[in-house]
């Protein structure tokens, strides 16, 4: 599609880009916004459909030939772009993606695979933390991320930015009934469920050895993992703290746990302390 000049804030064709600073306005809708060069490039390269791309006039030469001809390319003066989006449009490029239909655990996990690793977040309500957890989960090659409805939108502008677009390739399930899904993982799929906690009575992470199928549950920054989720788990693990440290940021803790569990060999091939 040829270049389309946008000269008015009231142009209905760019309605989805209005006032993006008021986050989560697209939650539960069909669209999401990618911001910045790398994210827009990764959206265009992904299997998500791109509805449109919006660029500042000063970036037009940079994007010549990058946008597929079937995707509308809206070009705006810098001032119009800032008024439209509601923030400093210094990145000069945005894109609007179309969400995929909601996935279920049955669709994203294979019953035939022996070794599976899943991250479960019942209530991660901080966009920076969720974005970092998505990026870390992708880096360590987990098979799926399960989110409760109390989590923030994994496709919000801030989460996508922090995740550097890894949400576009990591299987994410926004569970309608997370407790039921967690129970199914344990009872039907034979997952070992692990609560990550800050509790000196819990088993130190260094003593833990994984089984083939593992689900790691992480709480939110303020309150940790609620007791009702801990009761659903087979084990409680902690990272011992020194010098009076309260806790680690949940995303940092997730990285430590995932490094341990994705690098640990199967029990049959490597002696270690087993969980009881």
C-alpha atoms as a PDB file:
ATOM      1  CA  UNK A   1       0.000   0.000   0.000  1.00  0.00           C
ATOM      2  CA  UNK A   2       1.398   3.445  -0.863  1.00  0.00           C
ATOM      3  CA  UNK A   3       2.375   6.086   1.660  1.00  0.00           C
ATOM      4  CA  UNK A   4      -0.634   7.713   3.346  1.00  0.00           C
ATOM      5  CA  UNK A   5      -0.129  11.237   4.672  1.00  0.00           C
ATOM      6  CA  UNK A   6      -1.986  12.006   7.908  1.00  0.00           C
ATOM      7  CA  UNK A   7      -2.589  15.696   8.478  1.00  0.00           C
ATOM      8  CA  UNK A   8      -5.286  15.738  11.130  1.00  0.00           C
ATOM      9  CA  UNK A   9      -5.625  14.338  14.633  1.00  0.00           C
ATOM     10  CA  UNK A  10      -9.217  13.496  13.790  1.00  0.00           C
ATOM     11  CA  UNK A  11      -8.339  11.138  10.948  1.00  0.00           C
ATOM     12  CA  UNK A  12     -10.213   7.929  11.802  1.00  0.00           C
ATOM     13  CA  UNK A  13      -7.503   5.792  10.217  1.00  0.00           C
ATOM     14  CA  UNK A  14      -5.109   6.472  13.126  1.00  0.00           C
ATOM     15  CA  UNK A  15      -7.661   6.239  15.922  1.00  0.00           C
ATOM     16  CA  UNK A  16      -5.880   3.244  17.504  1.00  0.00           C
ATOM     17  CA  UNK A  17      -2.739   5.352  18.082  1.00  0.00           C
ATOM     18  CA  UNK A  18      -4.478   8.061  20.092  1.00  0.00           C
ATOM     19  CA  UNK A  19      -3.365   8.736  23.672  1.00  0.00           C
ATOM     20  CA  UNK A  20      -1.270   5.631  24.165  1.00  0.00           C
ATOM     21  CA  UNK A  21       0.067   7.016  27.439  1.00  0.00           C
ATOM     22  CA  UNK A  22      -3.267   6.042  28.987  1.00  0.00           C
ATOM     23  CA  UNK A  23      -2.157   2.405  29.152  1.00  0.00           C
ATOM     24  CA  UNK A  24      -4.331  -0.684  28.819  1.00  0.00           C
ATOM     25  CA  UNK A  25      -6.990   1.038  26.723  1.00  0.00           C
ATOM     26  CA  UNK A  26      -6.616  -1.815  24.239  1.00  0.00           C
ATOM     27  CA  UNK A  27      -6.893  -4.574  26.866  1.00  0.00           C
ATOM     28  CA  UNK A  28      -9.287  -7.297  25.782  1.00  0.00           C
ATOM     29  CA  UNK A  29      -9.580  -5.716  22.342  1.00  0.00           C
ATOM     30  CA  UNK A  30      -8.307  -7.041  19.016  1.00  0.00           C
ATOM     31  CA  UNK A  31      -5.308  -4.725  18.678  1.00  0.00           C
ATOM     32  CA  UNK A  32      -1.995  -3.923  20.364  1.00  0.00           C
ATOM     33  CA  UNK A  33       0.730  -1.335  19.778  1.00  0.00           C
ATOM     34  CA  UNK A  34       4.453  -1.910  19.166  1.00  0.00           C
ATOM     35  CA  UNK A  35       6.734   1.074  19.753  1.00  0.00           C
ATOM     36  CA  UNK A  36      10.231   1.659  18.381  1.00  0.00           C
ATOM     37  CA  UNK A  37      12.374   0.350  15.555  1.00  0.00           C
ATOM     38  CA  UNK A  38      13.231  -3.089  16.956  1.00  0.00           C
ATOM     39  CA  UNK A  39       9.709  -3.895  18.134  1.00  0.00           C
ATOM     40  CA  UNK A  40       8.103  -2.843  14.857  1.00  0.00           C
ATOM     41  CA  UNK A  41      10.656  -4.861  12.897  1.00  0.00           C
ATOM     42  CA  UNK A  42      10.008  -7.886  15.112  1.00  0.00           C
ATOM     43  CA  UNK A  43       6.255  -7.505  14.734  1.00  0.00           C
ATOM     44  CA  UNK A  44       6.605  -7.396  10.943  1.00  0.00           C
ATOM     45  CA  UNK A  45       8.815 -10.501  11.053  1.00  0.00           C
ATOM     46  CA  UNK A  46       6.487 -12.418  13.407  1.00  0.00           C
ATOM     47  CA  UNK A  47       3.425 -14.507  12.637  1.00  0.00           C
ATOM     48  CA  UNK A  48       1.191 -11.778  14.080  1.00  0.00           C
ATOM     49  CA  UNK A  49      -0.703  -9.763  11.508  1.00  0.00           C
ATOM     50  CA  UNK A  50       0.256  -6.078  11.284  1.00  0.00           C
ATOM     51  CA  UNK A  51      -2.721  -3.792  10.728  1.00  0.00           C
ATOM     52  CA  UNK A  52      -0.734  -0.610  10.073  1.00  0.00           C
ATOM     53  CA  UNK A  53       2.541   1.243  10.642  1.00  0.00           C
ATOM     54  CA  UNK A  54       2.804   4.898  11.635  1.00  0.00           C
ATOM     55  CA  UNK A  55       6.031   6.860  11.173  1.00  0.00           C
ATOM     56  CA  UNK A  56       7.223  10.441  11.564  1.00  0.00           C
ATOM     57  CA  UNK A  57       8.143  12.220   8.340  1.00  0.00           C
ATOM     58  CA  UNK A  58      11.789  12.390   9.453  1.00  0.00           C
ATOM     59  CA  UNK A  59      11.936   8.562   9.577  1.00  0.00           C
ATOM     60  CA  UNK A  60      10.409   7.972   6.167  1.00  0.00           C
ATOM     61  CA  UNK A  61      13.715   7.335   4.424  1.00  0.00           C
ATOM     62  CA  UNK A  62      14.760   4.853   7.148  1.00  0.00           C
ATOM     63  CA  UNK A  63      11.619   2.783   6.584  1.00  0.00           C
ATOM     64  CA  UNK A  64      11.568   2.860   2.809  1.00  0.00           C
ATOM     65  CA  UNK A  65      10.945  -0.696   1.613  1.00  0.00           C
ATOM     66  CA  UNK A  66      10.651  -2.233   5.103  1.00  0.00           C
ATOM     67  CA  UNK A  67       6.851  -2.235   5.330  1.00  0.00           C
ATOM     68  CA  UNK A  68       5.074  -4.865   3.191  1.00  0.00           C
ATOM     69  CA  UNK A  69       2.961  -3.320   0.422  1.00  0.00           C
ATOM     70  CA  UNK A  70      -0.273  -4.696   1.871  1.00  0.00           C
ATOM     71  CA  UNK A  71       0.253  -2.908   5.229  1.00  0.00           C
ATOM     72  CA  UNK A  72      -0.954   0.729   5.398  1.00  0.00           C
ATOM     73  CA  UNK A  73       1.952   3.120   6.094  1.00  0.00           C
ATOM     74  CA  UNK A  74       0.801   6.323   7.779  1.00  0.00           C
ATOM     75  CA  UNK A  75       3.209   9.280   7.702  1.00  0.00           C
ATOM     76  CA  UNK A  76       2.740  12.186  10.128  1.00  0.00           C
ATOM     77  CA  UNK A  77       4.577  15.432  10.907  1.00  0.00           C
ATOM     78  CA  UNK A  78       6.481  15.204  14.213  1.00  0.00           C
ATOM     79  CA  UNK A  79       4.151  17.609  16.008  1.00  0.00           C
ATOM     80  CA  UNK A  80       1.040  15.746  14.875  1.00  0.00           C
ATOM     81  CA  UNK A  81       2.618  12.467  16.013  1.00  0.00           C
ATOM     82  CA  UNK A  82       3.228  13.801  19.526  1.00  0.00           C
ATOM     83  CA  UNK A  83      -0.270  15.241  19.806  1.00  0.00           C
ATOM     84  CA  UNK A  84      -1.741  12.008  18.508  1.00  0.00           C
ATOM     85  CA  UNK A  85       0.099   9.616  20.812  1.00  0.00           C
ATOM     86  CA  UNK A  86       0.159  11.851  23.896  1.00  0.00           C
ATOM     87  CA  UNK A  87       3.939  11.572  24.496  1.00  0.00           C
ATOM     88  CA  UNK A  88       7.258  12.629  22.976  1.00  0.00           C
ATOM     89  CA  UNK A  89       7.314  10.782  19.660  1.00  0.00           C
ATOM     90  CA  UNK A  90      11.113  10.566  19.633  1.00  0.00           C
ATOM     91  CA  UNK A  91      11.158   6.943  18.411  1.00  0.00           C
ATOM     92  CA  UNK A  92       9.329   8.041  15.293  1.00  0.00           C
ATOM     93  CA  UNK A  93       7.698   4.698  14.537  1.00  0.00           C
ATOM     94  CA  UNK A  94       4.746   2.725  15.879  1.00  0.00           C
ATOM     95  CA  UNK A  95       2.825  -0.241  14.551  1.00  0.00           C
ATOM     96  CA  UNK A  96      -0.562  -1.726  15.291  1.00  0.00           C
ATOM     97  CA  UNK A  97      -0.716  -5.517  15.568  1.00  0.00           C
ATOM     98  CA  UNK A  98      -3.708  -7.823  15.662  1.00  0.00           C
ATOM     99  CA  UNK A  99      -3.977 -10.160  18.647  1.00  0.00           C
ATOM    100  CA  UNK A 100      -4.330 -13.858  18.071  1.00  0.00           C
ATOM    101  CA  UNK A 101      -7.285 -15.801  19.498  1.00  0.00           C
ATOM    102  CA  UNK A 102      -6.817 -16.719  23.158  1.00  0.00           C
ATOM    103  CA  UNK A 103      -4.768 -19.903  23.658  1.00  0.00           C
ATOM    104  CA  UNK A 104      -5.270 -22.737  26.138  1.00  0.00           C
ATOM    105  CA  UNK A 105      -2.698 -24.984  27.807  1.00  0.00           C
ATOM    106  CA  UNK A 106      -3.853 -27.832  25.572  1.00  0.00           C
ATOM    107  CA  UNK A 107      -2.974 -25.778  22.497  1.00  0.00           C
ATOM    108  CA  UNK A 108       0.480 -24.599  23.590  1.00  0.00           C
ATOM    109  CA  UNK A 109       1.812 -27.681  25.416  1.00  0.00           C
ATOM    110  CA  UNK A 110       2.556 -31.012  23.803  1.00  0.00           C
ATOM    111  CA  UNK A 111       1.429 -34.170  25.611  1.00  0.00           C
ATOM    112  CA  UNK A 112       4.096 -36.059  23.677  1.00  0.00           C
ATOM    113  CA  UNK A 113       7.063 -34.106  25.019  1.00  0.00           C
ATOM    114  CA  UNK A 114       8.716 -35.543  28.101  1.00  0.00           C
ATOM    115  CA  UNK A 115      10.496 -32.425  29.362  1.00  0.00           C
ATOM    116  CA  UNK A 116       8.405 -29.274  29.808  1.00  0.00           C
ATOM    117  CA  UNK A 117       8.999 -26.063  31.749  1.00  0.00           C
ATOM    118  CA  UNK A 118       6.188 -23.612  32.471  1.00  0.00           C
ATOM    119  CA  UNK A 119       6.190 -20.275  34.317  1.00  0.00           C
ATOM    120  CA  UNK A 120       2.980 -19.360  36.157  1.00  0.00           C
ATOM    121  CA  UNK A 121       2.174 -15.820  37.350  1.00  0.00           C
ATOM    122  CA  UNK A 122      -1.153 -15.472  39.161  1.00  0.00           C
ATOM    123  CA  UNK A 123      -0.985 -11.702  39.734  1.00  0.00           C
ATOM    124  CA  UNK A 124       2.053  -9.978  38.235  1.00  0.00           C
ATOM    125  CA  UNK A 125       0.560  -6.482  37.997  1.00  0.00           C
ATOM    126  CA  UNK A 126       3.724  -4.488  37.239  1.00  0.00           C
ATOM    127  CA  UNK A 127       4.372  -4.018  33.488  1.00  0.00           C
ATOM    128  CA  UNK A 128       8.154  -3.766  33.884  1.00  0.00           C
ATOM    129  CA  UNK A 129       8.303  -6.978  35.913  1.00  0.00           C
ATOM    130  CA  UNK A 130       6.045  -8.884  33.538  1.00  0.00           C
ATOM    131  CA  UNK A 131       7.972  -7.656  30.511  1.00  0.00           C
ATOM    132  CA  UNK A 132      11.245  -8.759  32.105  1.00  0.00           C
ATOM    133  CA  UNK A 133       9.797 -12.167  33.070  1.00  0.00           C
ATOM    134  CA  UNK A 134       8.642 -12.690  29.477  1.00  0.00           C
ATOM    135  CA  UNK A 135      12.081 -11.791  28.136  1.00  0.00           C
ATOM    136  CA  UNK A 136      13.860 -14.011  30.674  1.00  0.00           C
ATOM    137  CA  UNK A 137      11.458 -16.893  30.038  1.00  0.00           C
ATOM    138  CA  UNK A 138      12.116 -16.653  26.328  1.00  0.00           C
ATOM    139  CA  UNK A 139      15.870 -16.536  26.913  1.00  0.00           C
ATOM    140  CA  UNK A 140      15.793 -19.769  28.920  1.00  0.00           C
ATOM    141  CA  UNK A 141      13.516 -21.514  26.452  1.00  0.00           C
ATOM    142  CA  UNK A 142      10.475 -22.213  28.599  1.00  0.00           C
ATOM    143  CA  UNK A 143       7.542 -23.845  26.867  1.00  0.00           C
ATOM    144  CA  UNK A 144       4.747 -21.537  28.016  1.00  0.00           C
ATOM    145  CA  UNK A 145       3.829 -18.670  30.321  1.00  0.00           C
ATOM    146  CA  UNK A 146       0.503 -18.899  32.180  1.00  0.00           C
ATOM    147  CA  UNK A 147      -1.020 -15.649  33.457  1.00  0.00           C
ATOM    148  CA  UNK A 148      -3.916 -15.034  35.811  1.00  0.00           C
ATOM    149  CA  UNK A 149      -6.452 -12.325  35.087  1.00  0.00           C
ATOM    150  CA  UNK A 150      -4.921 -10.125  37.795  1.00  0.00           C
ATOM    151  CA  UNK A 151      -1.768  -9.786  35.688  1.00  0.00           C
ATOM    152  CA  UNK A 152      -1.274  -6.775  33.485  1.00  0.00           C
ATOM    153  CA  UNK A 153      -1.748  -7.064  29.739  1.00  0.00           C
ATOM    154  CA  UNK A 154       1.217  -8.974  28.206  1.00  0.00           C
ATOM    155  CA  UNK A 155       0.673  -7.026  24.984  1.00  0.00           C
ATOM    156  CA  UNK A 156       0.476  -3.581  26.527  1.00  0.00           C
ATOM    157  CA  UNK A 157       2.917  -1.045  25.099  1.00  0.00           C
ATOM    158  CA  UNK A 158       5.119  -1.024  28.216  1.00  0.00           C
ATOM    159  CA  UNK A 159       5.255  -4.804  28.606  1.00  0.00           C
ATOM    160  CA  UNK A 160       6.140  -5.286  24.944  1.00  0.00           C
ATOM    161  CA  UNK A 161       8.855  -2.646  25.196  1.00  0.00           C
ATOM    162  CA  UNK A 162      10.484  -4.235  28.258  1.00  0.00           C
ATOM    163  CA  UNK A 163      10.190  -7.725  26.775  1.00  0.00           C
ATOM    164  CA  UNK A 164      11.834  -6.454  23.569  1.00  0.00           C
ATOM    165  CA  UNK A 165       9.119  -8.184  21.588  1.00  0.00           C
ATOM    166  CA  UNK A 166       9.726 -11.681  22.932  1.00  0.00           C
ATOM    167  CA  UNK A 167       6.009 -11.806  23.805  1.00  0.00           C
ATOM    168  CA  UNK A 168       5.485 -12.144  20.053  1.00  0.00           C
ATOM    169  CA  UNK A 169       7.105 -15.588  20.009  1.00  0.00           C
ATOM    170  CA  UNK A 170       6.698 -16.987  23.537  1.00  0.00           C
ATOM    171  CA  UNK A 171       3.499 -19.056  24.002  1.00  0.00           C
ATOM    172  CA  UNK A 172       1.380 -17.073  26.497  1.00  0.00           C
ATOM    173  CA  UNK A 173      -1.875 -18.290  28.014  1.00  0.00           C
ATOM    174  CA  UNK A 174      -4.077 -15.681  29.688  1.00  0.00           C
ATOM    175  CA  UNK A 175      -6.010 -18.204  31.702  1.00  0.00           C
ATOM    176  CA  UNK A 176      -9.727 -17.787  32.319  1.00  0.00           C
ATOM    177  CA  UNK A 177      -9.445 -20.055  35.373  1.00  0.00           C
ATOM    178  CA  UNK A 178      -5.810 -20.239  36.411  1.00  0.00           C
ATOM    179  CA  UNK A 179      -6.413 -22.408  39.467  1.00  0.00           C
ATOM    180  CA  UNK A 180      -8.131 -25.032  37.361  1.00  0.00           C
ATOM    181  CA  UNK A 181      -5.314 -24.927  34.804  1.00  0.00           C
ATOM    182  CA  UNK A 182      -2.698 -25.308  37.537  1.00  0.00           C
ATOM    183  CA  UNK A 183      -4.555 -28.300  38.990  1.00  0.00           C
ATOM    184  CA  UNK A 184      -4.757 -29.839  35.527  1.00  0.00           C
ATOM    185  CA  UNK A 185      -1.009 -29.436  35.050  1.00  0.00           C
ATOM    186  CA  UNK A 186      -0.405 -31.389  38.247  1.00  0.00           C
ATOM    187  CA  UNK A 187      -3.123 -34.026  37.945  1.00  0.00           C
ATOM    188  CA  UNK A 188      -3.409 -34.642  34.191  1.00  0.00           C
ATOM    189  CA  UNK A 189       0.003 -33.608  32.909  1.00  0.00           C
ATOM    190  CA  UNK A 190       1.990 -34.830  35.954  1.00  0.00           C
ATOM    191  CA  UNK A 191       3.795 -31.525  36.460  1.00  0.00           C
ATOM    192  CA  UNK A 192       5.818 -30.920  39.607  1.00  0.00           C
ATOM    193  CA  UNK A 193       4.606 -27.533  40.873  1.00  0.00           C
ATOM    194  CA  UNK A 194       7.057 -25.304  42.714  1.00  0.00           C
ATOM    195  CA  UNK A 195       6.198 -22.250  44.790  1.00  0.00           C
ATOM    196  CA  UNK A 196       8.946 -19.623  44.823  1.00  0.00           C
ATOM    197  CA  UNK A 197       8.890 -17.954  48.246  1.00  0.00           C
ATOM    198  CA  UNK A 198      10.891 -15.795  50.636  1.00  0.00           C
ATOM    199  CA  UNK A 199      10.860 -18.081  53.664  1.00  0.00           C
ATOM    200  CA  UNK A 200      13.846 -19.470  55.531  1.00  0.00           C
ATOM    201  CA  UNK A 201      11.901 -22.673  56.245  1.00  0.00           C
ATOM    202  CA  UNK A 202      11.586 -23.426  52.513  1.00  0.00           C
ATOM    203  CA  UNK A 203      14.089 -25.608  50.655  1.00  0.00           C
ATOM    204  CA  UNK A 204      17.107 -23.678  49.311  1.00  0.00           C
ATOM    205  CA  UNK A 205      17.149 -23.513  45.537  1.00  0.00           C
ATOM    206  CA  UNK A 206      20.656 -24.993  45.417  1.00  0.00           C
ATOM    207  CA  UNK A 207      19.286 -28.261  46.841  1.00  0.00           C
ATOM    208  CA  UNK A 208      16.538 -28.640  44.264  1.00  0.00           C
ATOM    209  CA  UNK A 209      16.630 -30.982  41.299  1.00  0.00           C
ATOM    210  CA  UNK A 210      14.015 -30.932  38.610  1.00  0.00           C
ATOM    211  CA  UNK A 211      11.793 -33.636  37.284  1.00  0.00           C
ATOM    212  CA  UNK A 212      10.838 -33.797  33.634  1.00  0.00           C
ATOM    213  CA  UNK A 213       7.806 -31.514  33.867  1.00  0.00           C
ATOM    214  CA  UNK A 214       8.110 -28.435  36.066  1.00  0.00           C
ATOM    215  CA  UNK A 215       5.809 -25.480  36.746  1.00  0.00           C
ATOM    216  CA  UNK A 216       7.299 -22.500  38.607  1.00  0.00           C
ATOM    217  CA  UNK A 217       4.891 -20.130  40.365  1.00  0.00           C
ATOM    218  CA  UNK A 218       5.950 -16.519  40.978  1.00  0.00           C
ATOM    219  CA  UNK A 219       4.078 -13.942  43.048  1.00  0.00           C
ATOM    220  CA  UNK A 220       3.993 -10.186  42.582  1.00  0.00           C
ATOM    221  CA  UNK A 221       6.468  -7.606  43.844  1.00  0.00           C
ATOM    222  CA  UNK A 222       4.464  -6.386  46.827  1.00  0.00           C
ATOM    223  CA  UNK A 223       2.900  -9.491  48.349  1.00  0.00           C
ATOM    224  CA  UNK A 224       4.772 -12.485  47.005  1.00  0.00           C
ATOM    225  CA  UNK A 225       2.931 -15.721  46.288  1.00  0.00           C
ATOM    226  CA  UNK A 226      -0.380 -16.065  48.094  1.00  0.00           C
ATOM    227  CA  UNK A 227      -0.804 -19.030  50.427  1.00  0.00           C
ATOM    228  CA  UNK A 228      -3.600 -20.553  48.359  1.00  0.00           C
ATOM    229  CA  UNK A 229      -1.173 -20.932  45.464  1.00  0.00           C
ATOM    230  CA  UNK A 230       1.509 -22.329  47.714  1.00  0.00           C
ATOM    231  CA  UNK A 231      -0.925 -25.009  48.914  1.00  0.00           C
ATOM    232  CA  UNK A 232      -1.402 -26.169  45.317  1.00  0.00           C
ATOM    233  CA  UNK A 233       2.330 -26.748  44.929  1.00  0.00           C
ATOM    234  CA  UNK A 234       4.408 -29.830  45.621  1.00  0.00           C
ATOM    235  CA  UNK A 235       7.407 -27.903  46.953  1.00  0.00           C
ATOM    236  CA  UNK A 236       8.402 -24.482  48.285  1.00  0.00           C
ATOM    237  CA  UNK A 237      11.782 -23.139  47.218  1.00  0.00           C
ATOM    238  CA  UNK A 238      13.671 -20.041  48.251  1.00  0.00           C
ATOM    239  CA  UNK A 239      16.829 -18.138  47.390  1.00  0.00           C
ATOM    240  CA  UNK A 240      18.600 -17.621  50.739  1.00  0.00           C
ATOM    241  CA  UNK A 241      19.269 -13.925  51.485  1.00  0.00           C
ATOM    242  CA  UNK A 242      22.161 -12.371  53.376  1.00  0.00           C
ATOM    243  CA  UNK A 243      22.854  -9.032  55.032  1.00  0.00           C
ATOM    244  CA  UNK A 244      19.220  -8.387  55.842  1.00  0.00           C
ATOM    245  CA  UNK A 245      18.082  -8.200  52.235  1.00  0.00           C
ATOM    246  CA  UNK A 246      14.292  -8.235  52.040  1.00  0.00           C
ATOM    247  CA  UNK A 247      13.958  -9.920  48.663  1.00  0.00           C
ATOM    248  CA  UNK A 248      15.032  -9.835  45.047  1.00  0.00           C
ATOM    249  CA  UNK A 249      13.015  -8.208  42.325  1.00  0.00           C
ATOM    250  CA  UNK A 250      10.619 -10.900  41.067  1.00  0.00           C
ATOM    251  CA  UNK A 251      12.029 -10.790  37.537  1.00  0.00           C
ATOM    252  CA  UNK A 252      15.598 -11.208  38.828  1.00  0.00           C
ATOM    253  CA  UNK A 253      14.445 -14.090  41.026  1.00  0.00           C
ATOM    254  CA  UNK A 254      12.709 -15.658  38.017  1.00  0.00           C
ATOM    255  CA  UNK A 255      15.984 -15.521  36.105  1.00  0.00           C
ATOM    256  CA  UNK A 256      17.853 -17.310  38.896  1.00  0.00           C
ATOM    257  CA  UNK A 257      15.192 -20.001  39.253  1.00  0.00           C
ATOM    258  CA  UNK A 258      14.946 -20.543  35.503  1.00  0.00           C
ATOM    259  CA  UNK A 259      18.698 -20.750  35.072  1.00  0.00           C
ATOM    260  CA  UNK A 260      18.773 -23.442  37.763  1.00  0.00           C
ATOM    261  CA  UNK A 261      15.894 -25.491  36.361  1.00  0.00           C
ATOM    262  CA  UNK A 262      16.738 -25.208  32.682  1.00  0.00           C
ATOM    263  CA  UNK A 263      20.402 -26.119  33.282  1.00  0.00           C
ATOM    264  CA  UNK A 264      19.743 -28.987  35.718  1.00  0.00           C
ATOM    265  CA  UNK A 265      20.111 -32.455  34.248  1.00  0.00           C
ATOM    266  CA  UNK A 266      17.516 -35.163  34.695  1.00  0.00           C
ATOM    267  CA  UNK A 267      17.728 -37.020  38.055  1.00  0.00           C
ATOM    268  CA  UNK A 268      18.810 -40.243  36.336  1.00  0.00           C
ATOM    269  CA  UNK A 269      21.855 -38.626  34.764  1.00  0.00           C
ATOM    270  CA  UNK A 270      23.161 -36.380  37.552  1.00  0.00           C
ATOM    271  CA  UNK A 271      23.336 -37.001  41.319  1.00  0.00           C
ATOM    272  CA  UNK A 272      21.975 -34.199  43.485  1.00  0.00           C
ATOM    273  CA  UNK A 273      19.795 -33.528  46.529  1.00  0.00           C
ATOM    274  CA  UNK A 274      16.254 -34.508  45.662  1.00  0.00           C
ATOM    275  CA  UNK A 275      13.139 -32.791  46.935  1.00  0.00           C
ATOM    276  CA  UNK A 276      11.129 -34.724  49.464  1.00  0.00           C
END
